[in-house]
Amino acid sequence: MKYDAIKVGKLLTAFKQAQNRLPNLARLSEAEFLAEPDKIGSAKYQFIVAIEDRRAAFFRFKRE
């Protein structure tokens, strides 16, 4: 099975960055989190990035 190590590395880096940001948001109280729409948007974005990067890596390996 062949794969592009650079592309996979970039995907994993983006996943790890998103994964590292989510716990910071999780430490906020519910009131703090909900009071700032930017934090809600950030959580959604980081969650989507994490999912999409894992999904892309999975399908890239599956194809090759």
PDB file of N, CA and C in Angstrom:
ATOM      1  N   MET A   1       0.834  -1.168   0.000  1.00  0.00           N
ATOM      2  CA  MET A   1       0.000   0.000   0.000  1.00  0.00           C
ATOM      3  C   MET A   1       0.891   1.247   0.000  1.00  0.00           C
ATOM      4  N   LYS A   2       0.685   2.118  -0.981  1.00  0.00           N
ATOM      5  CA  LYS A   2       1.454   3.353  -1.071  1.00  0.00           C
ATOM      6  C   LYS A   2       0.622   4.501  -0.505  1.00  0.00           C
ATOM      7  N   TYR A   3       1.296   5.469   0.065  1.00  0.00           N
ATOM      8  CA  TYR A   3       0.619   6.663   0.545  1.00  0.00           C
ATOM      9  C   TYR A   3       1.591   7.834   0.503  1.00  0.00           C
ATOM     10  N   ASP A   4       1.026   9.011   0.462  1.00  0.00           N
ATOM     11  CA  ASP A   4       1.822  10.228   0.428  1.00  0.00           C
ATOM     12  C   ASP A   4       2.058  10.666   1.877  1.00  0.00           C
ATOM     13  N   ALA A   5       3.235  10.439   2.368  1.00  0.00           N
ATOM     14  CA  ALA A   5       3.558  10.717   3.768  1.00  0.00           C
ATOM     15  C   ALA A   5       3.385  12.196   4.107  1.00  0.00           C
ATOM     16  N   ILE A   6       3.657  13.077   3.176  1.00  0.00           N
ATOM     17  CA  ILE A   6       3.520  14.515   3.435  1.00  0.00           C
ATOM     18  C   ILE A   6       2.047  14.873   3.622  1.00  0.00           C
ATOM     19  N   LYS A   7       1.177  14.380   2.743  1.00  0.00           N
ATOM     20  CA  LYS A   7      -0.250  14.663   2.864  1.00  0.00           C
ATOM     21  C   LYS A   7      -0.820  14.085   4.150  1.00  0.00           C
ATOM     22  N   VAL A   8      -0.443  12.870   4.463  1.00  0.00           N
ATOM     23  CA  VAL A   8      -0.923  12.238   5.691  1.00  0.00           C
ATOM     24  C   VAL A   8      -0.418  13.014   6.907  1.00  0.00           C
ATOM     25  N   GLY A   9       0.822  13.436   6.860  1.00  0.00           N
ATOM     26  CA  GLY A   9       1.374  14.234   7.955  1.00  0.00           C
ATOM     27  C   GLY A   9       0.619  15.534   8.162  1.00  0.00           C
ATOM     28  N   LYS A  10       0.259  16.197   7.072  1.00  0.00           N
ATOM     29  CA  LYS A  10      -0.501  17.451   7.169  1.00  0.00           C
ATOM     30  C   LYS A  10      -1.881  17.199   7.755  1.00  0.00           C
ATOM     31  N   LEU A  11      -2.522  16.126   7.324  1.00  0.00           N
ATOM     32  CA  LEU A  11      -3.839  15.785   7.864  1.00  0.00           C
ATOM     33  C   LEU A  11      -3.764  15.509   9.367  1.00  0.00           C
ATOM     34  N   LEU A  12      -2.770  14.746   9.765  1.00  0.00           N
ATOM     35  CA  LEU A  12      -2.633  14.420  11.181  1.00  0.00           C
ATOM     36  C   LEU A  12      -2.287  15.645  12.014  1.00  0.00           C
ATOM     37  N   THR A  13      -1.491  16.542  11.467  1.00  0.00           N
ATOM     38  CA  THR A  13      -1.155  17.777  12.177  1.00  0.00           C
ATOM     39  C   THR A  13      -2.402  18.626  12.389  1.00  0.00           C
ATOM     40  N   ALA A  14      -3.212  18.784  11.352  1.00  0.00           N
ATOM     41  CA  ALA A  14      -4.453  19.554  11.479  1.00  0.00           C
ATOM     42  C   ALA A  14      -5.384  18.898  12.498  1.00  0.00           C
ATOM     43  N   PHE A  15      -5.455  17.575  12.481  1.00  0.00           N
ATOM     44  CA  PHE A  15      -6.293  16.864  13.448  1.00  0.00           C
ATOM     45  C   PHE A  15      -5.804  17.104  14.875  1.00  0.00           C
ATOM     46  N   LYS A  16      -4.505  16.980  15.082  1.00  0.00           N
ATOM     47  CA  LYS A  16      -3.952  17.158  16.425  1.00  0.00           C
ATOM     48  C   LYS A  16      -4.160  18.578  16.927  1.00  0.00           C
ATOM     49  N   GLN A  17      -4.037  19.561  16.050  1.00  0.00           N
ATOM     50  CA  GLN A  17      -4.255  20.950  16.454  1.00  0.00           C
ATOM     51  C   GLN A  17      -5.705  21.152  16.880  1.00  0.00           C
ATOM     52  N   ALA A  18      -6.624  20.628  16.100  1.00  0.00           N
ATOM     53  CA  ALA A  18      -8.038  20.751  16.447  1.00  0.00           C
ATOM     54  C   ALA A  18      -8.329  20.003  17.746  1.00  0.00           C
ATOM     55  N   GLN A  19      -7.762  18.834  17.873  1.00  0.00           N
ATOM     56  CA  GLN A  19      -7.972  18.017  19.066  1.00  0.00           C
ATOM     57  C   GLN A  19      -7.420  18.720  20.308  1.00  0.00           C
ATOM     58  N   ASN A  20      -6.333  19.445  20.175  1.00  0.00           N
ATOM     59  CA  ASN A  20      -5.742  20.155  21.312  1.00  0.00           C
ATOM     60  C   ASN A  20      -6.536  21.392  21.710  1.00  0.00           C
ATOM     61  N   ARG A  21      -7.258  21.979  20.783  1.00  0.00           N
ATOM     62  CA  ARG A  21      -8.025  23.185  21.095  1.00  0.00           C
ATOM     63  C   ARG A  21      -9.350  22.875  21.787  1.00  0.00           C
ATOM     64  N   LEU A  22      -9.938  21.743  21.493  1.00  0.00           N
ATOM     65  CA  LEU A  22     -11.238  21.410  22.063  1.00  0.00           C
ATOM     66  C   LEU A  22     -11.237  21.299  23.594  1.00  0.00           C
ATOM     67  N   PRO A  23     -10.230  20.691  24.218  1.00  0.00           N
ATOM     68  CA  PRO A  23     -10.249  20.625  25.687  1.00  0.00           C
ATOM     69  C   PRO A  23     -10.251  21.999  26.363  1.00  0.00           C
ATOM     70  N   ASN A  24      -9.588  22.975  25.746  1.00  0.00           N
ATOM     71  CA  ASN A  24      -9.602  24.331  26.310  1.00  0.00           C
ATOM     72  C   ASN A  24     -11.024  24.879  26.349  1.00  0.00           C
ATOM     73  N   LEU A  25     -11.780  24.621  25.307  1.00  0.00           N
ATOM     74  CA  LEU A  25     -13.172  25.069  25.281  1.00  0.00           C
ATOM     75  C   LEU A  25     -14.022  24.274  26.264  1.00  0.00           C
ATOM     76  N   ALA A  26     -13.700  23.011  26.439  1.00  0.00           N
ATOM     77  CA  ALA A  26     -14.464  22.157  27.348  1.00  0.00           C
ATOM     78  C   ALA A  26     -14.277  22.571  28.805  1.00  0.00           C
ATOM     79  N   ARG A  27     -13.182  23.219  29.125  1.00  0.00           N
ATOM     80  CA  ARG A  27     -12.926  23.654  30.504  1.00  0.00           C
ATOM     81  C   ARG A  27     -13.782  24.845  30.918  1.00  0.00           C
ATOM     82  N   LEU A  28     -14.342  25.544  29.959  1.00  0.00           N
ATOM     83  CA  LEU A  28     -15.186  26.692  30.278  1.00  0.00           C
ATOM     84  C   LEU A  28     -16.494  26.224  30.911  1.00  0.00           C
ATOM     85  N   SER A  29     -17.044  27.075  31.760  1.00  0.00           N
ATOM     86  CA  SER A  29     -18.371  26.746  32.290  1.00  0.00           C
ATOM     87  C   SER A  29     -19.377  26.885  31.145  1.00  0.00           C
ATOM     88  N   GLU A  30     -20.520  26.277  31.323  1.00  0.00           N
ATOM     89  CA  GLU A  30     -21.549  26.360  30.278  1.00  0.00           C
ATOM     90  C   GLU A  30     -21.934  27.806  30.018  1.00  0.00           C
ATOM     91  N   ALA A  31     -22.054  28.595  31.088  1.00  0.00           N
ATOM     92  CA  ALA A  31     -22.435  30.006  30.942  1.00  0.00           C
ATOM     93  C   ALA A  31     -21.374  30.784  30.168  1.00  0.00           C
ATOM     94  N   GLU A  32     -20.090  30.554  30.495  1.00  0.00           N
ATOM     95  CA  GLU A  32     -19.000  31.230  29.779  1.00  0.00           C
ATOM     96  C   GLU A  32     -19.010  30.856  28.296  1.00  0.00           C
ATOM     97  N   PHE A  33     -19.174  29.572  28.036  1.00  0.00           N
ATOM     98  CA  PHE A  33     -19.161  29.081  26.667  1.00  0.00           C
ATOM     99  C   PHE A  33     -20.302  29.666  25.857  1.00  0.00           C
ATOM    100  N   LEU A  34     -21.505  29.602  26.400  1.00  0.00           N
ATOM    101  CA  LEU A  34     -22.691  30.066  25.669  1.00  0.00           C
ATOM    102  C   LEU A  34     -22.773  31.587  25.554  1.00  0.00           C
ATOM    103  N   ALA A  35     -22.047  32.298  26.407  1.00  0.00           N
ATOM    104  CA  ALA A  35     -22.072  33.763  26.381  1.00  0.00           C
ATOM    105  C   ALA A  35     -21.295  34.343  25.200  1.00  0.00           C
ATOM    106  N   GLU A  36     -20.417  33.534  24.611  1.00  0.00           N
ATOM    107  CA  GLU A  36     -19.586  34.036  23.519  1.00  0.00           C
ATOM    108  C   GLU A  36     -19.806  33.219  22.248  1.00  0.00           C
ATOM    109  N   PRO A  37     -20.529  33.786  21.293  1.00  0.00           N
ATOM    110  CA  PRO A  37     -20.779  33.070  20.036  1.00  0.00           C
ATOM    111  C   PRO A  37     -19.497  32.637  19.315  1.00  0.00           C
ATOM    112  N   ASP A  38     -18.409  33.390  19.504  1.00  0.00           N
ATOM    113  CA  ASP A  38     -17.140  33.010  18.863  1.00  0.00           C
ATOM    114  C   ASP A  38     -16.616  31.678  19.397  1.00  0.00           C
ATOM    115  N   LYS A  39     -16.829  31.434  20.663  1.00  0.00           N
ATOM    116  CA  LYS A  39     -16.374  30.165  21.251  1.00  0.00           C
ATOM    117  C   LYS A  39     -17.209  29.003  20.719  1.00  0.00           C
ATOM    118  N   ILE A  40     -18.495  29.230  20.545  1.00  0.00           N
ATOM    119  CA  ILE A  40     -19.368  28.191  19.978  1.00  0.00           C
ATOM    120  C   ILE A  40     -18.923  27.892  18.547  1.00  0.00           C
ATOM    121  N   GLY A  41     -18.693  28.935  17.777  1.00  0.00           N
ATOM    122  CA  GLY A  41     -18.235  28.765  16.399  1.00  0.00           C
ATOM    123  C   GLY A  41     -16.888  28.068  16.335  1.00  0.00           C
ATOM    124  N   SER A  42     -15.992  28.411  17.244  1.00  0.00           N
ATOM    125  CA  SER A  42     -14.676  27.776  17.285  1.00  0.00           C
ATOM    126  C   SER A  42     -14.799  26.293  17.596  1.00  0.00           C
ATOM    127  N   ALA A  43     -15.640  25.950  18.554  1.00  0.00           N
ATOM    128  CA  ALA A  43     -15.826  24.536  18.906  1.00  0.00           C
ATOM    129  C   ALA A  43     -16.378  23.758  17.717  1.00  0.00           C
ATOM    130  N   LYS A  44     -17.364  24.311  17.050  1.00  0.00           N
ATOM    131  CA  LYS A  44     -17.944  23.638  15.882  1.00  0.00           C
ATOM    132  C   LYS A  44     -16.879  23.439  14.802  1.00  0.00           C
ATOM    133  N   TYR A  45     -16.129  24.488  14.538  1.00  0.00           N
ATOM    134  CA  TYR A  45     -15.102  24.429  13.502  1.00  0.00           C
ATOM    135  C   TYR A  45     -14.034  23.380  13.845  1.00  0.00           C
ATOM    136  N   GLN A  46     -13.527  23.414  15.076  1.00  0.00           N
ATOM    137  CA  GLN A  46     -12.477  22.473  15.471  1.00  0.00           C
ATOM    138  C   GLN A  46     -12.981  21.036  15.414  1.00  0.00           C
ATOM    139  N   PHE A  47     -14.228  20.824  15.794  1.00  0.00           N
ATOM    140  CA  PHE A  47     -14.819  19.489  15.748  1.00  0.00           C
ATOM    141  C   PHE A  47     -14.929  19.003  14.299  1.00  0.00           C
ATOM    142  N   ILE A  48     -15.385  19.875  13.423  1.00  0.00           N
ATOM    143  CA  ILE A  48     -15.511  19.517  12.005  1.00  0.00           C
ATOM    144  C   ILE A  48     -14.146  19.241  11.390  1.00  0.00           C
ATOM    145  N   VAL A  49     -13.159  20.061  11.707  1.00  0.00           N
ATOM    146  CA  VAL A  49     -11.799  19.840  11.190  1.00  0.00           C
ATOM    147  C   VAL A  49     -11.285  18.478  11.628  1.00  0.00           C
ATOM    148  N   ALA A  50     -11.482  18.150  12.898  1.00  0.00           N
ATOM    149  CA  ALA A  50     -11.014  16.863  13.409  1.00  0.00           C
ATOM    150  C   ALA A  50     -11.681  15.707  12.681  1.00  0.00           C
ATOM    151  N   ILE A  51     -12.979  15.793  12.487  1.00  0.00           N
ATOM    152  CA  ILE A  51     -13.709  14.727  11.797  1.00  0.00           C
ATOM    153  C   ILE A  51     -13.270  14.623  10.340  1.00  0.00           C
ATOM    154  N   GLU A  52     -13.228  15.737   9.645  1.00  0.00           N
ATOM    155  CA  GLU A  52     -12.875  15.727   8.223  1.00  0.00           C
ATOM    156  C   GLU A  52     -11.451  15.234   7.987  1.00  0.00           C
ATOM    157  N   ASP A  53     -10.528  15.611   8.851  1.00  0.00           N
ATOM    158  CA  ASP A  53      -9.150  15.154   8.671  1.00  0.00           C
ATOM    159  C   ASP A  53      -9.034  13.654   8.868  1.00  0.00           C
ATOM    160  N   ARG A  54      -9.715  13.120   9.852  1.00  0.00           N
ATOM    161  CA  ARG A  54      -9.685  11.669  10.062  1.00  0.00           C
ATOM    162  C   ARG A  54     -10.363  10.946   8.907  1.00  0.00           C
ATOM    163  N   ARG A  55     -11.466  11.494   8.462  1.00  0.00           N
ATOM    164  CA  ARG A  55     -12.202  10.896   7.348  1.00  0.00           C
ATOM    165  C   ARG A  55     -11.334  10.890   6.085  1.00  0.00           C
ATOM    166  N   ALA A  56     -10.702  12.002   5.798  1.00  0.00           N
ATOM    167  CA  ALA A  56      -9.850  12.101   4.601  1.00  0.00           C
ATOM    168  C   ALA A  56      -8.681  11.126   4.691  1.00  0.00           C
ATOM    169  N   ALA A  57      -8.084  11.019   5.871  1.00  0.00           N
ATOM    170  CA  ALA A  57      -6.961  10.094   6.030  1.00  0.00           C
ATOM    171  C   ALA A  57      -7.434   8.655   5.831  1.00  0.00           C
ATOM    172  N   PHE A  58      -8.592   8.311   6.375  1.00  0.00           N
ATOM    173  CA  PHE A  58      -9.120   6.956   6.231  1.00  0.00           C
ATOM    174  C   PHE A  58      -9.337   6.609   4.764  1.00  0.00           C
ATOM    175  N   PHE A  59     -10.020   7.501   4.037  1.00  0.00           N
ATOM    176  CA  PHE A  59     -10.322   7.200   2.639  1.00  0.00           C
ATOM    177  C   PHE A  59      -9.072   7.218   1.764  1.00  0.00           C
ATOM    178  N   ARG A  60      -8.100   8.021   2.134  1.00  0.00           N
ATOM    179  CA  ARG A  60      -6.844   8.047   1.375  1.00  0.00           C
ATOM    180  C   ARG A  60      -6.139   6.703   1.514  1.00  0.00           C
ATOM    181  N   PHE A  61      -6.102   6.147   2.719  1.00  0.00           N
ATOM    182  CA  PHE A  61      -5.474   4.845   2.932  1.00  0.00           C
ATOM    183  C   PHE A  61      -6.284   3.741   2.279  1.00  0.00           C
ATOM    184  N   LYS A  62      -7.592   3.845   2.323  1.00  0.00           N
ATOM    185  CA  LYS A  62      -8.457   2.812   1.782  1.00  0.00           C
ATOM    186  C   LYS A  62      -8.294   2.695   0.270  1.00  0.00           C
ATOM    187  N   ARG A  63      -8.127   3.844  -0.421  1.00  0.00           N
ATOM    188  CA  ARG A  63      -7.982   3.858  -1.866  1.00  0.00           C
ATOM    189  C   ARG A  63      -6.664   3.263  -2.335  1.00  0.00           C
ATOM    190  N   GLU A  64      -5.640   3.434  -1.532  1.00  0.00           N
ATOM    191  CA  GLU A  64      -4.288   3.040  -1.987  1.00  0.00           C
ATOM    192  C   GLU A  64      -3.946   1.639  -1.606  1.00  0.00           C
TER     193      GLU A  64
END
